[in-house]
Amino acid sequence: PFGIILFVLDKVTPVALEDIMVYVLPFYIPLIAV
């Protein structure tokens, strides 16, 4: 819940923070894989 980039994206885009937390989930796949 406290990832700093999530809060940065909340400030520089019009997307709500709770939506941002959901939208980044699929991208853990390549990150964890590497």
PDB file of all heavy atoms in Angstrom:
ATOM      1  N   PRO A   1       0.798  -1.239   0.000  1.00  0.00           N
ATOM      2  CA  PRO A   1       0.000   0.000   0.000  1.00  0.00           C
ATOM      3  C   PRO A   1       0.827   1.285   0.000  1.00  0.00           C
ATOM      4  O   PRO A   1       0.275   2.364  -0.132  1.00  0.00           O
ATOM      5  CB  PRO A   1      -0.775  -0.117   1.308  1.00  0.00           C
ATOM      6  CG  PRO A   1       0.168  -0.852   2.212  1.00  0.00           C
ATOM      7  CD  PRO A   1       0.939  -1.806   1.345  1.00  0.00           C
ATOM      8  N   PHE A   2       2.176   1.173   0.189  1.00  0.00           N
ATOM      9  CA  PHE A   2       2.950   2.391   0.402  1.00  0.00           C
ATOM     10  C   PHE A   2       3.982   2.663  -0.686  1.00  0.00           C
ATOM     11  O   PHE A   2       4.843   3.517  -0.507  1.00  0.00           O
ATOM     12  CB  PHE A   2       3.662   2.327   1.772  1.00  0.00           C
ATOM     13  CG  PHE A   2       2.738   2.103   2.924  1.00  0.00           C
ATOM     14  CD1 PHE A   2       2.827   0.954   3.699  1.00  0.00           C
ATOM     15  CD2 PHE A   2       1.769   3.033   3.238  1.00  0.00           C
ATOM     16  CE1 PHE A   2       1.971   0.743   4.770  1.00  0.00           C
ATOM     17  CE2 PHE A   2       0.912   2.835   4.301  1.00  0.00           C
ATOM     18  CZ  PHE A   2       1.004   1.685   5.073  1.00  0.00           C
ATOM     19  N   GLY A   3       3.933   1.945  -1.812  1.00  0.00           N
ATOM     20  CA  GLY A   3       4.908   2.142  -2.867  1.00  0.00           C
ATOM     21  C   GLY A   3       4.919   3.594  -3.349  1.00  0.00           C
ATOM     22  O   GLY A   3       3.886   4.139  -3.753  1.00  0.00           O
ATOM     23  N   ILE A   4       6.094   4.235  -3.311  1.00  0.00           N
ATOM     24  CA  ILE A   4       6.187   5.675  -3.596  1.00  0.00           C
ATOM     25  C   ILE A   4       5.764   5.992  -5.027  1.00  0.00           C
ATOM     26  O   ILE A   4       5.131   7.026  -5.289  1.00  0.00           O
ATOM     27  CB  ILE A   4       7.623   6.165  -3.334  1.00  0.00           C
ATOM     28  CG1 ILE A   4       7.942   6.032  -1.844  1.00  0.00           C
ATOM     29  CG2 ILE A   4       7.798   7.611  -3.772  1.00  0.00           C
ATOM     30  CD1 ILE A   4       9.367   6.391  -1.494  1.00  0.00           C
ATOM     31  N   ILE A   5       6.109   5.130  -5.968  1.00  0.00           N
ATOM     32  CA  ILE A   5       5.766   5.393  -7.370  1.00  0.00           C
ATOM     33  C   ILE A   5       4.249   5.450  -7.552  1.00  0.00           C
ATOM     34  O   ILE A   5       3.743   6.210  -8.383  1.00  0.00           O
ATOM     35  CB  ILE A   5       6.393   4.331  -8.291  1.00  0.00           C
ATOM     36  CG1 ILE A   5       7.916   4.510  -8.318  1.00  0.00           C
ATOM     37  CG2 ILE A   5       5.839   4.423  -9.710  1.00  0.00           C
ATOM     38  CD1 ILE A   5       8.638   3.493  -9.155  1.00  0.00           C
ATOM     39  N   LEU A   6       3.524   4.667  -6.784  1.00  0.00           N
ATOM     40  CA  LEU A   6       2.059   4.698  -6.860  1.00  0.00           C
ATOM     41  C   LEU A   6       1.542   6.098  -6.522  1.00  0.00           C
ATOM     42  O   LEU A   6       0.636   6.617  -7.182  1.00  0.00           O
ATOM     43  CB  LEU A   6       1.458   3.668  -5.899  1.00  0.00           C
ATOM     44  CG  LEU A   6       1.866   2.215  -6.112  1.00  0.00           C
ATOM     45  CD1 LEU A   6       1.272   1.329  -5.014  1.00  0.00           C
ATOM     46  CD2 LEU A   6       1.417   1.713  -7.477  1.00  0.00           C
ATOM     47  N   PHE A   7       2.130   6.718  -5.510  1.00  0.00           N
ATOM     48  CA  PHE A   7       1.701   8.052  -5.102  1.00  0.00           C
ATOM     49  C   PHE A   7       2.145   9.105  -6.111  1.00  0.00           C
ATOM     50  O   PHE A   7       1.441  10.100  -6.338  1.00  0.00           O
ATOM     51  CB  PHE A   7       2.248   8.371  -3.712  1.00  0.00           C
ATOM     52  CG  PHE A   7       1.664   7.513  -2.629  1.00  0.00           C
ATOM     53  CD1 PHE A   7       2.316   6.378  -2.190  1.00  0.00           C
ATOM     54  CD2 PHE A   7       0.437   7.827  -2.065  1.00  0.00           C
ATOM     55  CE1 PHE A   7       1.773   5.572  -1.197  1.00  0.00           C
ATOM     56  CE2 PHE A   7      -0.120   7.029  -1.069  1.00  0.00           C
ATOM     57  CZ  PHE A   7       0.554   5.898  -0.634  1.00  0.00           C
ATOM     58  N   VAL A   8       3.322   8.900  -6.724  1.00  0.00           N
ATOM     59  CA  VAL A   8       3.781   9.825  -7.766  1.00  0.00           C
ATOM     60  C   VAL A   8       2.813   9.796  -8.949  1.00  0.00           C
ATOM     61  O   VAL A   8       2.417  10.839  -9.480  1.00  0.00           O
ATOM     62  CB  VAL A   8       5.205   9.472  -8.222  1.00  0.00           C
ATOM     63  CG1 VAL A   8       5.593  10.296  -9.447  1.00  0.00           C
ATOM     64  CG2 VAL A   8       6.202   9.716  -7.097  1.00  0.00           C
ATOM     65  N   LEU A   9       2.430   8.589  -9.372  1.00  0.00           N
ATOM     66  CA  LEU A   9       1.491   8.455 -10.486  1.00  0.00           C
ATOM     67  C   LEU A   9       0.139   9.063 -10.138  1.00  0.00           C
ATOM     68  O   LEU A   9      -0.552   9.614 -11.013  1.00  0.00           O
ATOM     69  CB  LEU A   9       1.328   6.978 -10.862  1.00  0.00           C
ATOM     70  CG  LEU A   9       2.564   6.299 -11.466  1.00  0.00           C
ATOM     71  CD1 LEU A   9       2.301   4.806 -11.680  1.00  0.00           C
ATOM     72  CD2 LEU A   9       2.948   6.956 -12.787  1.00  0.00           C
ATOM     73  N   ASP A  10      -0.238   8.976  -8.874  1.00  0.00           N
ATOM     74  CA  ASP A  10      -1.491   9.582  -8.433  1.00  0.00           C
ATOM     75  C   ASP A  10      -1.449  11.099  -8.599  1.00  0.00           C
ATOM     76  O   ASP A  10      -2.462  11.740  -8.901  1.00  0.00           O
ATOM     77  CB  ASP A  10      -1.741   9.207  -6.970  1.00  0.00           C
ATOM     78  CG  ASP A  10      -3.029   9.806  -6.427  1.00  0.00           C
ATOM     79  OD1 ASP A  10      -4.060   9.740  -7.122  1.00  0.00           O
ATOM     80  OD2 ASP A  10      -3.003  10.364  -5.316  1.00  0.00           O
ATOM     81  N   LYS A  11      -0.246  11.683  -8.429  1.00  0.00           N
ATOM     82  CA  LYS A  11      -0.100  13.139  -8.533  1.00  0.00           C
ATOM     83  C   LYS A  11       0.022  13.616  -9.975  1.00  0.00           C
ATOM     84  O   LYS A  11      -0.480  14.697 -10.307  1.00  0.00           O
ATOM     85  CB  LYS A  11       1.124  13.593  -7.725  1.00  0.00           C
ATOM     86  CG  LYS A  11       0.953  13.462  -6.224  1.00  0.00           C
ATOM     87  CD  LYS A  11       2.189  13.958  -5.492  1.00  0.00           C
ATOM     88  CE  LYS A  11       2.010  13.842  -3.977  1.00  0.00           C
ATOM     89  NZ  LYS A  11       3.220  14.304  -3.237  1.00  0.00           N
ATOM     90  N   VAL A  12       0.696  12.844 -10.823  1.00  0.00           N
ATOM     91  CA  VAL A  12       0.960  13.326 -12.186  1.00  0.00           C
ATOM     92  C   VAL A  12      -0.079  12.851 -13.195  1.00  0.00           C
ATOM     93  O   VAL A  12      -0.013  13.219 -14.372  1.00  0.00           O
ATOM     94  CB  VAL A  12       2.381  12.914 -12.657  1.00  0.00           C
ATOM     95  CG1 VAL A  12       3.437  13.453 -11.709  1.00  0.00           C
ATOM     96  CG2 VAL A  12       2.500  11.396 -12.808  1.00  0.00           C
ATOM     97  N   THR A  13      -1.043  12.034 -12.778  1.00  0.00           N
ATOM     98  CA  THR A  13      -2.116  11.586 -13.670  1.00  0.00           C
ATOM     99  C   THR A  13      -3.457  11.804 -12.977  1.00  0.00           C
ATOM    100  O   THR A  13      -3.512  11.923 -11.748  1.00  0.00           O
ATOM    101  CB  THR A  13      -1.971  10.089 -14.028  1.00  0.00           C
ATOM    102  OG1 THR A  13      -2.259   9.278 -12.865  1.00  0.00           O
ATOM    103  CG2 THR A  13      -0.565   9.771 -14.527  1.00  0.00           C
ATOM    104  N   PRO A  14      -4.550  11.802 -13.734  1.00  0.00           N
ATOM    105  CA  PRO A  14      -5.867  12.004 -13.122  1.00  0.00           C
ATOM    106  C   PRO A  14      -6.486  10.719 -12.574  1.00  0.00           C
ATOM    107  O   PRO A  14      -7.631  10.729 -12.123  1.00  0.00           O
ATOM    108  CB  PRO A  14      -6.700  12.535 -14.302  1.00  0.00           C
ATOM    109  CG  PRO A  14      -6.075  11.932 -15.512  1.00  0.00           C
ATOM    110  CD  PRO A  14      -4.614  11.844 -15.214  1.00  0.00           C
ATOM    111  N   VAL A  15      -5.747   9.612 -12.571  1.00  0.00           N
ATOM    112  CA  VAL A  15      -6.282   8.321 -12.153  1.00  0.00           C
ATOM    113  C   VAL A  15      -6.241   8.206 -10.632  1.00  0.00           C
ATOM    114  O   VAL A  15      -5.261   8.620  -9.991  1.00  0.00           O
ATOM    115  CB  VAL A  15      -5.484   7.172 -12.796  1.00  0.00           C
ATOM    116  CG1 VAL A  15      -6.087   5.822 -12.428  1.00  0.00           C
ATOM    117  CG2 VAL A  15      -5.451   7.338 -14.313  1.00  0.00           C
ATOM    118  N   ALA A  16      -7.300   7.645 -10.045  1.00  0.00           N
ATOM    119  CA  ALA A  16      -7.378   7.490  -8.593  1.00  0.00           C
ATOM    120  C   ALA A  16      -6.354   6.474  -8.098  1.00  0.00           C
ATOM    121  O   ALA A  16      -6.032   5.495  -8.784  1.00  0.00           O
ATOM    122  CB  ALA A  16      -8.783   7.053  -8.185  1.00  0.00           C
ATOM    123  N   LEU A  17      -5.866   6.681  -6.878  1.00  0.00           N
ATOM    124  CA  LEU A  17      -4.816   5.831  -6.315  1.00  0.00           C
ATOM    125  C   LEU A  17      -5.250   4.372  -6.223  1.00  0.00           C
ATOM    126  O   LEU A  17      -4.472   3.459  -6.542  1.00  0.00           O
ATOM    127  CB  LEU A  17      -4.429   6.349  -4.928  1.00  0.00           C
ATOM    128  CG  LEU A  17      -3.330   5.568  -4.191  1.00  0.00           C
ATOM    129  CD1 LEU A  17      -2.029   5.591  -4.981  1.00  0.00           C
ATOM    130  CD2 LEU A  17      -3.118   6.138  -2.791  1.00  0.00           C
ATOM    131  N   GLU A  18      -6.488   4.135  -5.807  1.00  0.00           N
ATOM    132  CA  GLU A  18      -6.945   2.742  -5.681  1.00  0.00           C
ATOM    133  C   GLU A  18      -6.986   2.040  -7.035  1.00  0.00           C
ATOM    134  O   GLU A  18      -6.735   0.826  -7.124  1.00  0.00           O
ATOM    135  CB  GLU A  18      -8.314   2.677  -5.006  1.00  0.00           C
ATOM    136  CG  GLU A  18      -9.405   3.507  -5.672  1.00  0.00           C
ATOM    137  CD  GLU A  18      -9.486   4.915  -5.114  1.00  0.00           C
ATOM    138  OE1 GLU A  18      -8.484   5.399  -4.555  1.00  0.00           O
ATOM    139  OE2 GLU A  18     -10.565   5.536  -5.241  1.00  0.00           O
ATOM    140  N   ASP A  19      -7.282   2.779  -8.101  1.00  0.00           N
ATOM    141  CA  ASP A  19      -7.264   2.195  -9.444  1.00  0.00           C
ATOM    142  C   ASP A  19      -5.824   1.924  -9.899  1.00  0.00           C
ATOM    143  O   ASP A  19      -5.546   0.902 -10.537  1.00  0.00           O
ATOM    144  CB  ASP A  19      -7.961   3.119 -10.437  1.00  0.00           C
ATOM    145  CG  ASP A  19      -9.455   3.225 -10.194  1.00  0.00           C
ATOM    146  OD1 ASP A  19     -10.037   2.234  -9.713  1.00  0.00           O
ATOM    147  OD2 ASP A  19     -10.031   4.296 -10.462  1.00  0.00           O
ATOM    148  N   ILE A  20      -4.910   2.830  -9.571  1.00  0.00           N
ATOM    149  CA  ILE A  20      -3.509   2.655  -9.936  1.00  0.00           C
ATOM    150  C   ILE A  20      -2.967   1.360  -9.334  1.00  0.00           C
ATOM    151  O   ILE A  20      -2.245   0.600  -9.994  1.00  0.00           O
ATOM    152  CB  ILE A  20      -2.672   3.858  -9.459  1.00  0.00           C
ATOM    153  CG1 ILE A  20      -3.067   5.110 -10.247  1.00  0.00           C
ATOM    154  CG2 ILE A  20      -1.180   3.580  -9.603  1.00  0.00           C
ATOM    155  CD1 ILE A  20      -2.400   6.381  -9.746  1.00  0.00           C
ATOM    156  N   MET A  21      -3.320   1.088  -8.083  1.00  0.00           N
ATOM    157  CA  MET A  21      -2.847  -0.121  -7.409  1.00  0.00           C
ATOM    158  C   MET A  21      -3.304  -1.385  -8.121  1.00  0.00           C
ATOM    159  O   MET A  21      -2.584  -2.392  -8.154  1.00  0.00           O
ATOM    160  CB  MET A  21      -3.333  -0.136  -5.954  1.00  0.00           C
ATOM    161  CG  MET A  21      -2.718   0.940  -5.084  1.00  0.00           C
ATOM    162  SD  MET A  21      -3.300   0.843  -3.368  1.00  0.00           S
ATOM    163  CE  MET A  21      -2.399   2.210  -2.624  1.00  0.00           C
ATOM    164  N   VAL A  22      -4.478  -1.334  -8.721  1.00  0.00           N
ATOM    165  CA  VAL A  22      -4.996  -2.497  -9.458  1.00  0.00           C
ATOM    166  C   VAL A  22      -4.345  -2.591 -10.836  1.00  0.00           C
ATOM    167  O   VAL A  22      -3.972  -3.682 -11.286  1.00  0.00           O
ATOM    168  CB  VAL A  22      -6.532  -2.397  -9.600  1.00  0.00           C
ATOM    169  CG1 VAL A  22      -7.068  -3.533 -10.474  1.00  0.00           C
ATOM    170  CG2 VAL A  22      -7.195  -2.419  -8.224  1.00  0.00           C
ATOM    171  N   TYR A  23      -4.163  -1.460 -11.487  1.00  0.00           N
ATOM    172  CA  TYR A  23      -3.669  -1.451 -12.864  1.00  0.00           C
ATOM    173  C   TYR A  23      -2.223  -1.947 -12.993  1.00  0.00           C
ATOM    174  O   TYR A  23      -1.830  -2.445 -14.050  1.00  0.00           O
ATOM    175  CB  TYR A  23      -3.767  -0.032 -13.449  1.00  0.00           C
ATOM    176  CG  TYR A  23      -5.184   0.479 -13.610  1.00  0.00           C
ATOM    177  CD1 TYR A  23      -5.440   1.857 -13.701  1.00  0.00           C
ATOM    178  CD2 TYR A  23      -6.268  -0.401 -13.674  1.00  0.00           C
ATOM    179  CE1 TYR A  23      -6.741   2.332 -13.853  1.00  0.00           C
ATOM    180  CE2 TYR A  23      -7.555   0.079 -13.822  1.00  0.00           C
ATOM    181  CZ  TYR A  23      -7.795   1.443 -13.910  1.00  0.00           C
ATOM    182  OH  TYR A  23      -9.076   1.911 -14.063  1.00  0.00           O
ATOM    183  N   VAL A  24      -1.419  -1.787 -11.930  1.00  0.00           N
ATOM    184  CA  VAL A  24      -0.015  -2.209 -12.032  1.00  0.00           C
ATOM    185  C   VAL A  24       0.170  -3.708 -11.790  1.00  0.00           C
ATOM    186  O   VAL A  24       1.243  -4.249 -12.075  1.00  0.00           O
ATOM    187  CB  VAL A  24       0.869  -1.429 -11.029  1.00  0.00           C
ATOM    188  CG1 VAL A  24       0.843   0.052 -11.321  1.00  0.00           C
ATOM    189  CG2 VAL A  24       0.468  -1.704  -9.592  1.00  0.00           C
ATOM    190  N   LEU A  25      -0.857  -4.397 -11.300  1.00  0.00           N
ATOM    191  CA  LEU A  25      -0.715  -5.809 -10.912  1.00  0.00           C
ATOM    192  C   LEU A  25      -0.186  -6.712 -12.032  1.00  0.00           C
ATOM    193  O   LEU A  25       0.729  -7.518 -11.795  1.00  0.00           O
ATOM    194  CB  LEU A  25      -2.050  -6.342 -10.372  1.00  0.00           C
ATOM    195  CG  LEU A  25      -2.514  -5.761  -9.030  1.00  0.00           C
ATOM    196  CD1 LEU A  25      -3.864  -6.356  -8.634  1.00  0.00           C
ATOM    197  CD2 LEU A  25      -1.482  -6.014  -7.945  1.00  0.00           C
ATOM    198  N   PRO A  26      -0.712  -6.637 -13.276  1.00  0.00           N
ATOM    199  CA  PRO A  26      -0.188  -7.544 -14.318  1.00  0.00           C
ATOM    200  C   PRO A  26       1.289  -7.341 -14.616  1.00  0.00           C
ATOM    201  O   PRO A  26       1.967  -8.271 -15.084  1.00  0.00           O
ATOM    202  CB  PRO A  26      -1.043  -7.197 -15.544  1.00  0.00           C
ATOM    203  CG  PRO A  26      -2.266  -6.532 -15.006  1.00  0.00           C
ATOM    204  CD  PRO A  26      -1.814  -5.818 -13.781  1.00  0.00           C
ATOM    205  N   PHE A  27       1.805  -6.171 -14.312  1.00  0.00           N
ATOM    206  CA  PHE A  27       3.191  -5.868 -14.668  1.00  0.00           C
ATOM    207  C   PHE A  27       4.190  -6.403 -13.648  1.00  0.00           C
ATOM    208  O   PHE A  27       5.403  -6.290 -13.841  1.00  0.00           O
ATOM    209  CB  PHE A  27       3.352  -4.361 -14.870  1.00  0.00           C
ATOM    210  CG  PHE A  27       2.654  -3.876 -16.104  1.00  0.00           C
ATOM    211  CD1 PHE A  27       1.305  -3.549 -16.083  1.00  0.00           C
ATOM    212  CD2 PHE A  27       3.334  -3.793 -17.309  1.00  0.00           C
ATOM    213  CE1 PHE A  27       0.649  -3.134 -17.233  1.00  0.00           C
ATOM    214  CE2 PHE A  27       2.689  -3.376 -18.462  1.00  0.00           C
ATOM    215  CZ  PHE A  27       1.345  -3.058 -18.432  1.00  0.00           C
ATOM    216  N   TYR A  28       3.670  -7.000 -12.563  1.00  0.00           N
ATOM    217  CA  TYR A  28       4.585  -7.718 -11.672  1.00  0.00           C
ATOM    218  C   TYR A  28       5.131  -8.976 -12.343  1.00  0.00           C
ATOM    219  O   TYR A  28       6.184  -9.480 -11.948  1.00  0.00           O
ATOM    220  CB  TYR A  28       3.873  -8.101 -10.376  1.00  0.00           C
ATOM    221  CG  TYR A  28       3.483  -6.926  -9.509  1.00  0.00           C
ATOM    222  CD1 TYR A  28       2.219  -6.846  -8.940  1.00  0.00           C
ATOM    223  CD2 TYR A  28       4.382  -5.886  -9.267  1.00  0.00           C
ATOM    224  CE1 TYR A  28       1.853  -5.770  -8.149  1.00  0.00           C
ATOM    225  CE2 TYR A  28       4.025  -4.810  -8.484  1.00  0.00           C
ATOM    226  CZ  TYR A  28       2.756  -4.757  -7.927  1.00  0.00           C
ATOM    227  OH  TYR A  28       2.402  -3.674  -7.154  1.00  0.00           O
ATOM    228  N   ILE A  29       4.429  -9.475 -13.343  1.00  0.00           N
ATOM    229  CA  ILE A  29       4.867 -10.718 -14.009  1.00  0.00           C
ATOM    230  C   ILE A  29       6.253 -10.557 -14.629  1.00  0.00           C
ATOM    231  O   ILE A  29       7.168 -11.330 -14.311  1.00  0.00           O
ATOM    232  CB  ILE A  29       3.828 -11.160 -15.066  1.00  0.00           C
ATOM    233  CG1 ILE A  29       2.493 -11.487 -14.396  1.00  0.00           C
ATOM    234  CG2 ILE A  29       4.352 -12.364 -15.857  1.00  0.00           C
ATOM    235  CD1 ILE A  29       1.365 -11.769 -15.374  1.00  0.00           C
ATOM    236  N   PRO A  30       6.490  -9.563 -15.512  1.00  0.00           N
ATOM    237  CA  PRO A  30       7.844  -9.430 -16.060  1.00  0.00           C
ATOM    238  C   PRO A  30       8.872  -9.019 -15.011  1.00  0.00           C
ATOM    239  O   PRO A  30      10.035  -9.433 -15.088  1.00  0.00           O
ATOM    240  CB  PRO A  30       7.687  -8.356 -17.143  1.00  0.00           C
ATOM    241  CG  PRO A  30       6.476  -7.581 -16.763  1.00  0.00           C
ATOM    242  CD  PRO A  30       5.565  -8.578 -16.130  1.00  0.00           C
ATOM    243  N   LEU A  31       8.466  -8.213 -14.033  1.00  0.00           N
ATOM    244  CA  LEU A  31       9.414  -7.764 -13.016  1.00  0.00           C
ATOM    245  C   LEU A  31       9.912  -8.931 -12.174  1.00  0.00           C
ATOM    246  O   LEU A  31      11.131  -9.090 -11.951  1.00  0.00           O
ATOM    247  CB  LEU A  31       8.763  -6.707 -12.117  1.00  0.00           C
ATOM    248  CG  LEU A  31       8.202  -5.457 -12.809  1.00  0.00           C
ATOM    249  CD1 LEU A  31       7.637  -4.488 -11.772  1.00  0.00           C
ATOM    250  CD2 LEU A  31       9.263  -4.779 -13.651  1.00  0.00           C
ATOM    251  N   ILE A  32       8.988  -9.757 -11.700  1.00  0.00           N
ATOM    252  CA  ILE A  32       9.366 -10.924 -10.890  1.00  0.00           C
ATOM    253  C   ILE A  32      10.123 -11.943 -11.738  1.00  0.00           C
ATOM    254  O   ILE A  32      11.070 -12.584 -11.262  1.00  0.00           O
ATOM    255  CB  ILE A  32       8.120 -11.570 -10.253  1.00  0.00           C
ATOM    256  CG1 ILE A  32       7.445 -10.583  -9.286  1.00  0.00           C
ATOM    257  CG2 ILE A  32       8.500 -12.848  -9.518  1.00  0.00           C
ATOM    258  CD1 ILE A  32       8.299 -10.173  -8.105  1.00  0.00           C
ATOM    259  N   ALA A  33       9.719 -12.092 -13.001  1.00  0.00           N
ATOM    260  CA  ALA A  33      10.393 -13.051 -13.889  1.00  0.00           C
ATOM    261  C   ALA A  33      11.866 -12.686 -14.067  1.00  0.00           C
ATOM    262  O   ALA A  33      12.754 -13.551 -13.976  1.00  0.00           O
ATOM    263  CB  ALA A  33       9.689 -13.089 -15.247  1.00  0.00           C
ATOM    264  N   VAL A  34      12.158 -11.414 -14.297  1.00  0.00           N
ATOM    265  CA  VAL A  34      13.552 -10.983 -14.461  1.00  0.00           C
ATOM    266  C   VAL A  34      14.308 -11.114 -13.148  1.00  0.00           C
ATOM    267  O   VAL A  34      15.479 -11.529 -13.127  1.00  0.00           O
ATOM    268  CB  VAL A  34      13.615  -9.531 -14.986  1.00  0.00           C
ATOM    269  CG1 VAL A  34      15.047  -9.019 -14.967  1.00  0.00           C
ATOM    270  CG2 VAL A  34      13.043  -9.455 -16.390  1.00  0.00           C
TER     271      VAL A  34
END
